[in-house]
């Protein structure tokens, strides 16, 4: 007979004379009680084995991690904490698991140990919950934009342009490393490479996305991006997923409205679809924080924090106002910040962003109108800025515990201004002539933003390390699995 998901069995409206369930053994107690999980839910279903009428060689093979198929009656459970259980009539071992070698035994494991076993860590309650929440959030992203009439665009993963201008890109080449062709001056001759030019893995689909927004009105991308940034932190990955909407005729205020509404939509969606997983992750976080000093504990429990984001408008603050707040703040005056804020123009660090969100405003914050010299070339120059203090129509959304979660801007739609900015930064006009065409032919005000999907998952799940919210993390020195 066809097997039924554990989630469906646990949510059954009534008992059933015969069901079949397949999954992996989490625990096997007293030679009688199997806790079976198939990944459909955080909850296990208890399967009661008639051990007196089951062969010893079968009982010995019911070990943590083993894949089994059980058939029997779904009956009301006599034990506490579960509505139904399966009275096992027949049991088949589908795949053995050597208890001496299987790493995911039913005990507390360190996060580092679990990262070293990323291919098996999803068998644990925590990572099963995280990956189900990630899946639901991914669907919510598409759901929001599709409901709003956005067109989903797949921008290239291999690109010849550096959208961020940071230069931290992974090179893509088919040239042999042991006999690389060289030009007369000794440089790599990329004309002999696969694409006939130097290419990289993309850091953003924004520039290509802009060209589509200027024809389709409103588009979004959602795909992998890559940064060859040597950052071994709890907030950085070398490979991550990025959500990038781009909207024609939207100015910066429209952009901020869109980002706020979008974030609240996907969080609300996750709360509605993943209540049990989020409740479990909240309990896990509370347990974890018991070992921390009071000052380092979260002020709000996970579900309370998510609800707080839904019920509070994001505070909109100019960069200039934020600098004044930070300069006059107690941690800045007492030199508690690692990066002291002395003057206007400083590039804000995570510690500054978190201070504004967690200590000063105590709500999500949108910072806007940043200094032009710390932002990308494509951001629109404000008309009323003074020489030496030029600002651009940029915005970042800051979240508690995370810092920056969204970065966006109104794009520079004026061809002559964009050309001047590119010249000042030494950006090759010829290389980006296709991008400049959007300003030559029917240019218009347009805006967009980028949201690192893993940072969103990090916030929603309450995890503290970004390596724990992506199936197989890619970080400096680590490309396992």
Protein backbone atom coordinates (compact mmCIF):
# COMPACT_ATOMS: atom_id res chain seq x y z
CA UNK A 1 0.00 0.00 0.00
CA UNK A 2 1.06 3.62 -0.57
CA UNK A 3 2.68 5.21 2.46
CA UNK A 4 1.18 8.25 4.19
CA UNK A 5 3.26 11.19 5.42
CA UNK A 6 3.78 11.39 9.18
CA UNK A 7 2.33 14.92 9.21
CA UNK A 8 -0.91 13.66 7.63
CA UNK A 9 -1.15 10.77 10.08
CA UNK A 10 -0.69 13.05 13.09
CA UNK A 11 -3.34 15.42 11.72
CA UNK A 12 -5.78 12.64 10.84
CA UNK A 13 -9.43 13.32 11.69
CA UNK A 14 -9.90 9.80 13.03
CA UNK A 15 -8.25 6.46 13.73
CA UNK A 16 -7.63 4.21 10.72
CA UNK A 17 -7.62 0.40 10.47
CA UNK A 18 -4.46 0.20 8.37
CA UNK A 19 -1.78 2.70 7.38
CA UNK A 20 1.76 2.52 6.07
CA UNK A 21 4.48 4.96 7.14
CA UNK A 22 8.07 5.18 5.97
CA UNK A 23 10.84 7.19 7.52
CA UNK A 24 13.98 7.18 9.64
CA UNK A 25 14.27 6.00 13.22
CA UNK A 26 15.02 8.82 15.63
CA UNK A 27 14.98 6.62 18.74
CA UNK A 28 13.99 3.08 19.69
CA UNK A 29 13.09 2.60 23.37
CA UNK A 30 12.48 -0.54 25.44
CA UNK A 31 12.62 -2.72 22.33
CA UNK A 32 9.09 -1.46 21.73
CA UNK A 33 8.69 2.25 20.88
CA UNK A 34 10.00 3.65 17.59
CA UNK A 35 10.03 7.44 17.17
CA UNK A 36 9.67 7.70 13.38
CA UNK A 37 10.26 10.85 11.33
CA UNK A 38 10.00 11.30 7.57
CA UNK A 39 10.88 15.00 7.32
CA UNK A 40 7.32 16.20 6.73
CA UNK A 41 7.04 17.64 10.26
CA UNK A 42 9.08 18.42 13.36
CA UNK A 43 7.02 15.81 15.19
CA UNK A 44 7.74 12.08 15.26
CA UNK A 45 5.03 9.45 15.22
CA UNK A 46 5.31 6.69 17.80
CA UNK A 47 5.21 3.21 16.34
CA UNK A 48 4.58 0.45 18.89
CA UNK A 49 6.30 -2.84 18.01
CA UNK A 50 5.02 -6.20 19.31
CA UNK A 51 8.52 -7.19 20.37
CA UNK A 52 7.45 -10.62 21.68
CA UNK A 53 6.36 -11.58 18.16
CA UNK A 54 9.18 -9.82 16.29
CA UNK A 55 12.40 -11.65 15.46
CA UNK A 56 15.46 -10.58 17.47
CA UNK A 57 17.50 -10.03 14.32
CA UNK A 58 14.90 -7.43 13.18
CA UNK A 59 14.76 -5.70 16.58
CA UNK A 60 18.55 -5.36 16.57
CA UNK A 61 18.39 -3.55 13.22
CA UNK A 62 15.93 -0.90 14.49
CA UNK A 63 18.65 1.65 15.24
CA UNK A 64 18.85 5.46 15.12
CA UNK A 65 19.14 6.51 11.48
CA UNK A 66 17.78 3.28 10.00
CA UNK A 67 15.12 3.63 7.28
CA UNK A 68 12.03 1.54 8.00
CA UNK A 69 8.55 0.86 6.68
CA UNK A 70 5.80 0.11 9.19
CA UNK A 71 2.25 -1.04 8.52
CA UNK A 72 -0.49 -1.23 11.13
CA UNK A 73 -3.49 0.46 12.70
CA UNK A 74 -3.50 4.18 13.50
CA UNK A 75 -4.90 4.28 17.02
CA UNK A 76 -5.33 6.82 19.78
CA UNK A 77 -2.11 7.05 21.76
CA UNK A 78 -1.97 6.06 25.41
CA UNK A 79 1.17 8.15 25.92
CA UNK A 80 1.23 11.88 26.67
CA UNK A 81 2.09 14.46 24.00
CA UNK A 82 0.69 12.69 20.96
CA UNK A 83 -2.79 12.12 19.62
CA UNK A 84 -2.11 9.01 17.53
CA UNK A 85 0.36 6.18 17.28
CA UNK A 86 0.78 3.18 14.98
CA UNK A 87 0.30 -0.33 16.35
CA UNK A 88 2.82 -2.10 14.14
CA UNK A 89 1.60 -5.29 12.41
CA UNK A 90 4.49 -5.62 9.94
CA UNK A 91 7.87 -3.93 9.90
CA UNK A 92 10.50 -3.86 7.15
CA UNK A 93 14.04 -2.52 7.44
CA UNK A 94 14.64 -0.52 4.26
CA UNK A 95 18.17 0.61 5.10
CA UNK A 96 20.41 -0.26 8.04
CA UNK A 97 22.31 2.30 10.11
CA UNK A 98 25.30 1.13 12.15
CA UNK A 99 24.81 2.71 15.60
CA UNK A 100 28.58 2.65 16.18
CA UNK A 101 29.22 4.80 13.12
CA UNK A 102 26.10 6.96 12.57
CA UNK A 103 27.10 10.47 13.78
CA UNK A 104 23.59 11.84 14.47
CA UNK A 105 22.86 10.00 17.71
CA UNK A 106 19.97 11.33 19.88
CA UNK A 107 22.05 13.71 22.00
CA UNK A 108 23.11 17.36 21.91
CA UNK A 109 25.74 18.06 19.26
CA UNK A 110 27.81 21.23 18.85
CA UNK A 111 27.02 23.40 15.82
CA UNK A 112 30.60 22.97 14.62
CA UNK A 113 30.23 19.18 14.68
CA UNK A 114 26.97 19.47 12.75
CA UNK A 115 28.60 21.71 10.12
CA UNK A 116 31.27 19.05 9.65
CA UNK A 117 28.39 16.62 8.95
CA UNK A 118 26.25 18.94 6.84
CA UNK A 119 25.12 16.01 4.70
CA UNK A 120 23.53 14.35 7.76
CA UNK A 121 22.68 17.28 10.04
CA UNK A 122 19.29 17.71 8.39
CA UNK A 123 18.30 14.47 10.17
CA UNK A 124 18.23 16.48 13.43
CA UNK A 125 15.12 18.33 14.65
CA UNK A 126 16.77 21.76 14.44
CA UNK A 127 18.01 21.46 10.87
CA UNK A 128 14.85 19.76 9.67
CA UNK A 129 12.91 22.75 11.04
CA UNK A 130 15.33 25.31 9.54
CA UNK A 131 15.16 23.77 6.07
CA UNK A 132 11.36 23.54 6.09
CA UNK A 133 11.17 27.22 7.11
CA UNK A 134 13.70 28.08 4.38
CA UNK A 135 11.57 26.25 1.81
CA UNK A 136 8.39 28.06 2.88
CA UNK A 137 10.14 31.45 2.85
CA UNK A 138 11.41 30.71 -0.66
CA UNK A 139 7.87 30.00 -1.84
CA UNK A 140 6.63 33.15 -0.07
CA UNK A 141 9.15 35.26 -2.04
CA UNK A 142 7.68 34.06 -5.33
CA UNK A 143 4.14 34.24 -3.99
CA UNK A 144 4.49 37.92 -3.02
CA UNK A 145 5.97 39.08 -6.31
CA UNK A 146 3.67 36.96 -8.47
CA UNK A 147 0.62 38.30 -6.64
CA UNK A 148 1.91 41.84 -7.33
CA UNK A 149 2.34 41.16 -11.05
CA UNK A 150 6.16 41.09 -11.09
CA UNK A 151 7.95 39.12 -13.82
CA UNK A 152 10.51 36.56 -12.61
CA UNK A 153 13.78 37.03 -14.50
CA UNK A 154 16.76 34.65 -14.49
CA UNK A 155 19.87 36.81 -14.75
CA UNK A 156 23.21 35.24 -15.77
CA UNK A 157 25.45 33.47 -13.26
CA UNK A 158 28.51 33.96 -15.49
CA UNK A 159 29.08 37.66 -16.16
CA UNK A 160 31.65 40.06 -17.50
CA UNK A 161 30.65 42.94 -15.23
CA UNK A 162 31.18 43.71 -11.53
CA UNK A 163 27.87 45.21 -10.40
CA UNK A 164 29.17 46.19 -6.97
CA UNK A 165 32.55 47.53 -8.10
CA UNK A 166 34.23 45.79 -5.19
CA UNK A 167 36.32 43.42 -7.30
CA UNK A 168 35.74 40.47 -4.95
CA UNK A 169 34.70 38.03 -7.66
CA UNK A 170 35.38 34.40 -8.52
CA UNK A 171 36.97 34.11 -11.95
CA UNK A 172 35.49 31.71 -14.50
CA UNK A 173 37.98 30.26 -16.98
CA UNK A 174 38.57 27.29 -19.22
CA UNK A 175 42.26 28.17 -19.69
CA UNK A 176 44.84 25.59 -18.55
CA UNK A 177 46.59 26.61 -15.34
CA UNK A 178 49.83 24.80 -16.19
CA UNK A 179 50.23 26.54 -19.56
CA UNK A 180 48.17 29.72 -19.46
CA UNK A 181 48.35 31.77 -22.69
CA UNK A 182 49.94 35.19 -22.16
CA UNK A 183 49.99 38.50 -24.00
CA UNK A 184 53.24 40.19 -24.99
CA UNK A 185 53.32 42.08 -21.70
CA UNK A 186 52.91 38.87 -19.68
CA UNK A 187 49.24 39.20 -18.73
CA UNK A 188 46.71 36.36 -19.09
CA UNK A 189 45.38 36.38 -22.65
CA UNK A 190 41.64 36.10 -22.03
CA UNK A 191 40.97 36.39 -25.78
CA UNK A 192 41.91 32.71 -25.95
CA UNK A 193 39.52 31.83 -23.12
CA UNK A 194 36.09 30.21 -23.60
CA UNK A 195 34.18 33.51 -23.80
CA UNK A 196 36.99 35.50 -25.42
CA UNK A 197 37.11 37.85 -22.43
CA UNK A 198 37.55 37.86 -18.66
CA UNK A 199 34.43 36.50 -16.88
CA UNK A 200 33.34 35.93 -13.30
CA UNK A 201 30.60 34.43 -11.16
CA UNK A 202 27.95 37.07 -10.55
CA UNK A 203 27.81 39.18 -7.39
CA UNK A 204 24.39 40.54 -8.33
CA UNK A 205 21.79 40.33 -11.07
CA UNK A 206 20.88 43.98 -10.64
CA UNK A 207 22.37 45.54 -13.78
CA UNK A 208 20.76 42.94 -16.03
CA UNK A 209 17.56 43.22 -13.97
CA UNK A 210 17.41 46.96 -14.63
CA UNK A 211 17.34 46.37 -18.39
CA UNK A 212 14.31 44.11 -18.00
CA UNK A 213 12.53 46.51 -15.63
CA UNK A 214 12.85 49.19 -18.32
CA UNK A 215 10.74 47.02 -20.61
CA UNK A 216 8.54 44.92 -18.33
CA UNK A 217 7.91 47.51 -15.63
CA UNK A 218 8.52 45.40 -12.54
CA UNK A 219 10.74 42.35 -12.30
CA UNK A 220 12.51 40.31 -9.65
CA UNK A 221 15.43 37.91 -9.59
CA UNK A 222 15.99 35.15 -7.05
CA UNK A 223 19.15 33.17 -7.58
CA UNK A 224 22.66 32.33 -6.40
CA UNK A 225 25.32 35.03 -6.09
CA UNK A 226 29.00 34.76 -5.22
CA UNK A 227 31.51 36.89 -3.29
CA UNK A 228 35.21 36.05 -3.09
CA UNK A 229 35.40 38.03 0.13
CA UNK A 230 37.74 36.51 2.72
CA UNK A 231 35.29 37.04 5.58
CA UNK A 232 35.18 34.29 8.18
CA UNK A 233 32.24 35.71 10.11
CA UNK A 234 28.84 34.46 11.23
CA UNK A 235 27.18 36.77 8.66
CA UNK A 236 29.07 36.04 5.43
CA UNK A 237 28.98 33.28 2.82
CA UNK A 238 30.92 32.93 -0.44
CA UNK A 239 27.81 31.51 -2.15
CA UNK A 240 24.36 32.73 -1.18
CA UNK A 241 20.95 33.48 -2.67
CA UNK A 242 19.80 36.98 -3.49
CA UNK A 243 16.35 38.46 -4.07
CA UNK A 244 16.45 41.56 -6.28
CA UNK A 245 13.31 43.38 -7.40
CA UNK A 246 13.63 46.28 -9.84
CA UNK A 247 10.73 48.62 -10.59
CA UNK A 248 10.39 51.26 -13.31
CA UNK A 249 8.92 54.62 -12.23
CA UNK A 250 9.56 53.91 -8.50
CA UNK A 251 11.51 56.50 -6.52
CA UNK A 252 13.33 55.85 -3.24
CA UNK A 253 10.20 56.25 -1.10
CA UNK A 254 8.33 53.73 -3.27
CA UNK A 255 11.36 51.43 -2.92
CA UNK A 256 11.29 51.65 0.87
CA UNK A 257 7.54 50.96 0.90
CA UNK A 258 8.04 47.90 -1.32
CA UNK A 259 10.86 46.46 0.80
CA UNK A 260 8.98 46.92 4.07
CA UNK A 261 5.77 45.39 2.72
CA UNK A 262 7.68 42.49 1.14
CA UNK A 263 9.57 41.60 4.32
CA UNK A 264 6.43 41.73 6.45
CA UNK A 265 4.58 39.54 3.92
CA UNK A 266 7.17 36.73 3.88
CA UNK A 267 7.57 36.72 7.68
CA UNK A 268 3.79 36.57 8.14
CA UNK A 269 3.64 33.72 5.61
CA UNK A 270 6.26 31.73 7.53
CA UNK A 271 4.45 32.30 10.83
CA UNK A 272 1.23 30.98 9.32
CA UNK A 273 2.74 27.97 7.54
CA UNK A 274 5.46 26.85 10.01
CA UNK A 275 4.01 27.33 13.52
CA UNK A 276 5.39 24.08 14.96
CA UNK A 277 8.87 24.48 13.46
CA UNK A 278 9.13 28.09 14.67
CA UNK A 279 7.87 27.15 18.13
CA UNK A 280 10.55 24.45 18.30
CA UNK A 281 13.25 26.89 17.12
CA UNK A 282 12.11 29.41 19.73
CA UNK A 283 12.49 26.76 22.48
CA UNK A 284 15.90 25.83 21.13
CA UNK A 285 16.99 29.48 21.21
CA UNK A 286 15.75 29.95 24.79
CA UNK A 287 17.73 26.88 25.90
CA UNK A 288 20.84 28.13 24.11
CA UNK A 289 20.62 31.56 25.71
CA UNK A 290 20.42 30.21 29.26
CA UNK A 291 24.19 29.73 29.17
CA UNK A 292 24.80 33.36 28.10
CA UNK A 293 25.20 36.35 30.44
CA UNK A 294 21.95 38.30 30.85
CA UNK A 295 23.30 41.27 28.86
CA UNK A 296 23.89 39.06 25.79
CA UNK A 297 20.45 37.46 25.75
CA UNK A 298 17.77 38.54 23.29
CA UNK A 299 15.29 41.01 24.69
CA UNK A 300 12.46 39.20 22.91
CA UNK A 301 11.70 35.54 22.27
CA UNK A 302 11.75 34.49 18.59
CA UNK A 303 7.99 34.55 17.92
CA UNK A 304 7.65 37.83 19.81
CA UNK A 305 10.45 39.35 17.70
CA UNK A 306 8.81 38.23 14.44
CA UNK A 307 5.45 39.57 15.57
CA UNK A 308 7.14 42.84 16.55
CA UNK A 309 8.43 43.32 12.97
CA UNK A 310 4.91 42.73 11.63
CA UNK A 311 3.24 45.20 13.99
CA UNK A 312 5.73 48.07 13.85
CA UNK A 313 6.42 50.42 10.97
CA UNK A 314 10.10 50.58 10.11
CA UNK A 315 11.72 53.80 11.36
CA UNK A 316 13.11 55.88 8.48
CA UNK A 317 16.23 57.83 9.38
CA UNK A 318 18.70 59.73 7.18
CA UNK A 319 22.36 58.73 7.30
CA UNK A 320 23.18 62.23 8.57
CA UNK A 321 20.78 61.88 11.52
CA UNK A 322 22.14 58.39 12.26
CA UNK A 323 25.72 59.69 12.39
CA UNK A 324 24.69 62.35 14.92
CA UNK A 325 22.98 59.71 17.10
CA UNK A 326 26.00 57.40 16.94
CA UNK A 327 28.55 60.16 17.56
CA UNK A 328 26.68 61.21 20.71
CA UNK A 329 25.99 57.66 21.90
CA UNK A 330 27.44 56.31 25.15
CA UNK A 331 29.37 53.40 23.53
CA UNK A 332 30.97 55.85 21.09
CA UNK A 333 31.92 58.38 23.79
CA UNK A 334 33.27 55.61 26.04
CA UNK A 335 35.09 54.05 23.05
CA UNK A 336 33.18 50.78 23.39
CA UNK A 337 32.67 50.59 19.62
CA UNK A 338 35.45 48.84 17.71
CA UNK A 339 35.05 51.53 15.05
CA UNK A 340 34.66 54.98 16.63
CA UNK A 341 32.39 57.42 14.79
CA UNK A 342 34.16 60.78 14.58
CA UNK A 343 32.79 62.46 11.50
CA UNK A 344 30.21 62.43 8.72
CA UNK A 345 31.19 60.10 5.89
CA UNK A 346 32.09 57.05 7.97
CA UNK A 347 31.01 53.67 6.58
CA UNK A 348 28.72 52.14 9.21
CA UNK A 349 29.72 48.77 10.65
CA UNK A 350 27.46 46.01 11.98
CA UNK A 351 27.97 47.23 15.58
CA UNK A 352 26.64 50.70 14.64
CA UNK A 353 23.67 49.28 12.74
CA UNK A 354 22.73 47.01 15.63
CA UNK A 355 23.04 49.86 18.14
CA UNK A 356 20.57 51.95 16.15
CA UNK A 357 18.08 49.08 15.88
CA UNK A 358 18.46 47.33 19.22
CA UNK A 359 19.36 50.13 21.63
CA UNK A 360 18.28 53.47 20.22
CA UNK A 361 15.11 53.01 18.14
CA UNK A 362 14.22 49.47 19.31
CA UNK A 363 12.56 48.67 15.96
CA UNK A 364 13.66 47.91 12.38
CA UNK A 365 15.33 50.95 10.82
CA UNK A 366 15.64 52.15 7.23
CA UNK A 367 18.68 54.40 6.73
CA UNK A 368 18.68 56.52 3.58
CA UNK A 369 20.69 59.21 1.73
CA UNK A 370 24.20 57.86 2.23
CA UNK A 371 27.45 59.61 1.27
CA UNK A 372 28.09 59.07 -2.44
CA UNK A 373 31.71 57.96 -1.95
CA UNK A 374 30.79 54.86 0.10
CA UNK A 375 28.07 53.65 -2.27
CA UNK A 376 27.98 52.10 -5.76
CA UNK A 377 28.22 54.09 -8.99
CA UNK A 378 24.64 53.41 -10.14
CA UNK A 379 22.91 55.14 -7.21
CA UNK A 380 21.15 58.42 -7.96
CA UNK A 381 22.96 61.56 -6.86
CA UNK A 382 20.78 63.85 -4.75
CA UNK A 383 20.23 67.26 -6.31
CA UNK A 384 20.52 69.33 -3.14
CA UNK A 385 23.84 68.07 -1.75
CA UNK A 386 26.73 70.38 -0.96
CA UNK A 387 30.19 69.90 -2.51
CA UNK A 388 32.24 67.44 -0.46
CA UNK A 389 29.09 66.08 1.15
CA UNK A 390 27.35 64.57 -1.87
CA UNK A 391 24.72 62.00 -1.00
CA UNK A 392 22.93 59.37 -3.06
CA UNK A 393 19.39 58.00 -2.91
CA UNK A 394 20.45 54.77 -1.21
CA UNK A 395 18.68 52.88 1.55
CA UNK A 396 19.59 50.02 3.89
CA UNK A 397 17.16 48.14 6.13
CA UNK A 398 18.60 47.17 9.51
CA UNK A 399 17.21 44.36 11.68
CA UNK A 400 17.83 43.37 15.30
CA UNK A 401 20.52 40.71 15.68
CA UNK A 402 21.41 40.92 11.99
CA UNK A 403 22.30 44.48 11.05
CA UNK A 404 21.83 45.14 7.34
CA UNK A 405 19.32 42.79 5.72
CA UNK A 406 18.42 44.88 2.63
CA UNK A 407 20.44 47.28 0.51
CA UNK A 408 18.83 49.28 -2.28
CA UNK A 409 18.60 52.59 -4.07
CA UNK A 410 16.94 54.77 -6.62
CA UNK A 411 19.09 54.28 -9.72
CA UNK A 412 20.82 57.14 -11.53
CA UNK A 413 18.58 57.57 -14.57
CA UNK A 414 20.43 60.61 -16.02
CA UNK A 415 22.89 59.51 -18.70
CA UNK A 416 25.32 62.42 -18.33
CA UNK A 417 25.48 62.13 -14.51
CA UNK A 418 26.01 58.36 -14.70
CA UNK A 419 28.82 58.78 -17.26
CA UNK A 420 30.57 61.31 -15.00
CA UNK A 421 30.35 58.95 -12.01
CA UNK A 422 31.72 56.05 -14.05
CA UNK A 423 34.65 58.16 -15.31
CA UNK A 424 35.49 59.29 -11.77
CA UNK A 425 35.60 55.64 -10.64
CA UNK A 426 37.50 54.38 -13.69
CA UNK A 427 34.65 52.13 -14.85
CA UNK A 428 34.95 51.15 -18.53
CA UNK A 429 32.09 52.74 -20.50
CA UNK A 430 32.60 50.34 -23.39
CA UNK A 431 32.27 47.33 -21.07
CA UNK A 432 28.91 48.62 -19.79
CA UNK A 433 27.63 50.18 -23.01
CA UNK A 434 24.65 47.78 -22.94
CA UNK A 435 23.74 49.07 -19.46
CA UNK A 436 24.10 52.69 -20.58
CA UNK A 437 21.61 52.01 -23.39
CA UNK A 438 18.84 51.95 -20.78
CA UNK A 439 19.70 55.64 -20.16
CA UNK A 440 20.08 56.47 -23.85
CA UNK A 441 16.75 55.02 -24.96
CA UNK A 442 13.69 55.88 -22.88
CA UNK A 443 15.31 56.43 -19.50
CA UNK A 444 13.04 56.88 -16.49
CA UNK A 445 13.21 56.95 -12.71
CA UNK A 446 13.55 53.41 -11.37
CA UNK A 447 14.56 51.72 -8.13
CA UNK A 448 15.34 48.35 -6.62
CA UNK A 449 16.96 46.52 -3.75
CA UNK A 450 18.81 43.34 -2.88
CA UNK A 451 17.95 41.08 0.03
CA UNK A 452 20.32 38.28 1.00
CA UNK A 453 17.97 35.33 1.42
CA UNK A 454 20.13 33.61 4.06
CA UNK A 455 20.03 36.70 6.27
CA UNK A 456 16.25 36.61 6.08
CA UNK A 457 16.24 32.90 7.01
CA UNK A 458 18.70 33.67 9.82
CA UNK A 459 16.34 36.26 11.27
CA UNK A 460 13.18 34.16 10.94
CA UNK A 461 14.70 31.00 12.44
CA UNK A 462 16.57 32.77 15.25
CA UNK A 463 19.85 31.11 14.30
CA UNK A 464 23.05 33.02 15.00
CA UNK A 465 25.36 31.74 12.26
CA UNK A 466 24.56 32.08 8.57
CA UNK A 467 26.32 28.76 7.86
CA UNK A 468 23.43 27.03 9.59
CA UNK A 469 20.63 28.27 7.32
CA UNK A 470 21.96 27.04 3.95
CA UNK A 471 22.24 23.33 3.14
CA UNK A 472 25.94 23.27 2.25
CA UNK A 473 27.78 26.46 3.26
CA UNK A 474 30.62 27.78 1.13
CA UNK A 475 33.10 29.83 3.17
CA UNK A 476 36.85 30.60 2.99
CA UNK A 477 38.72 27.29 3.11
CA UNK A 478 35.52 25.25 3.04
CA UNK A 479 33.80 23.76 0.01
CA UNK A 480 32.90 20.35 1.39
CA UNK A 481 30.14 18.10 0.05
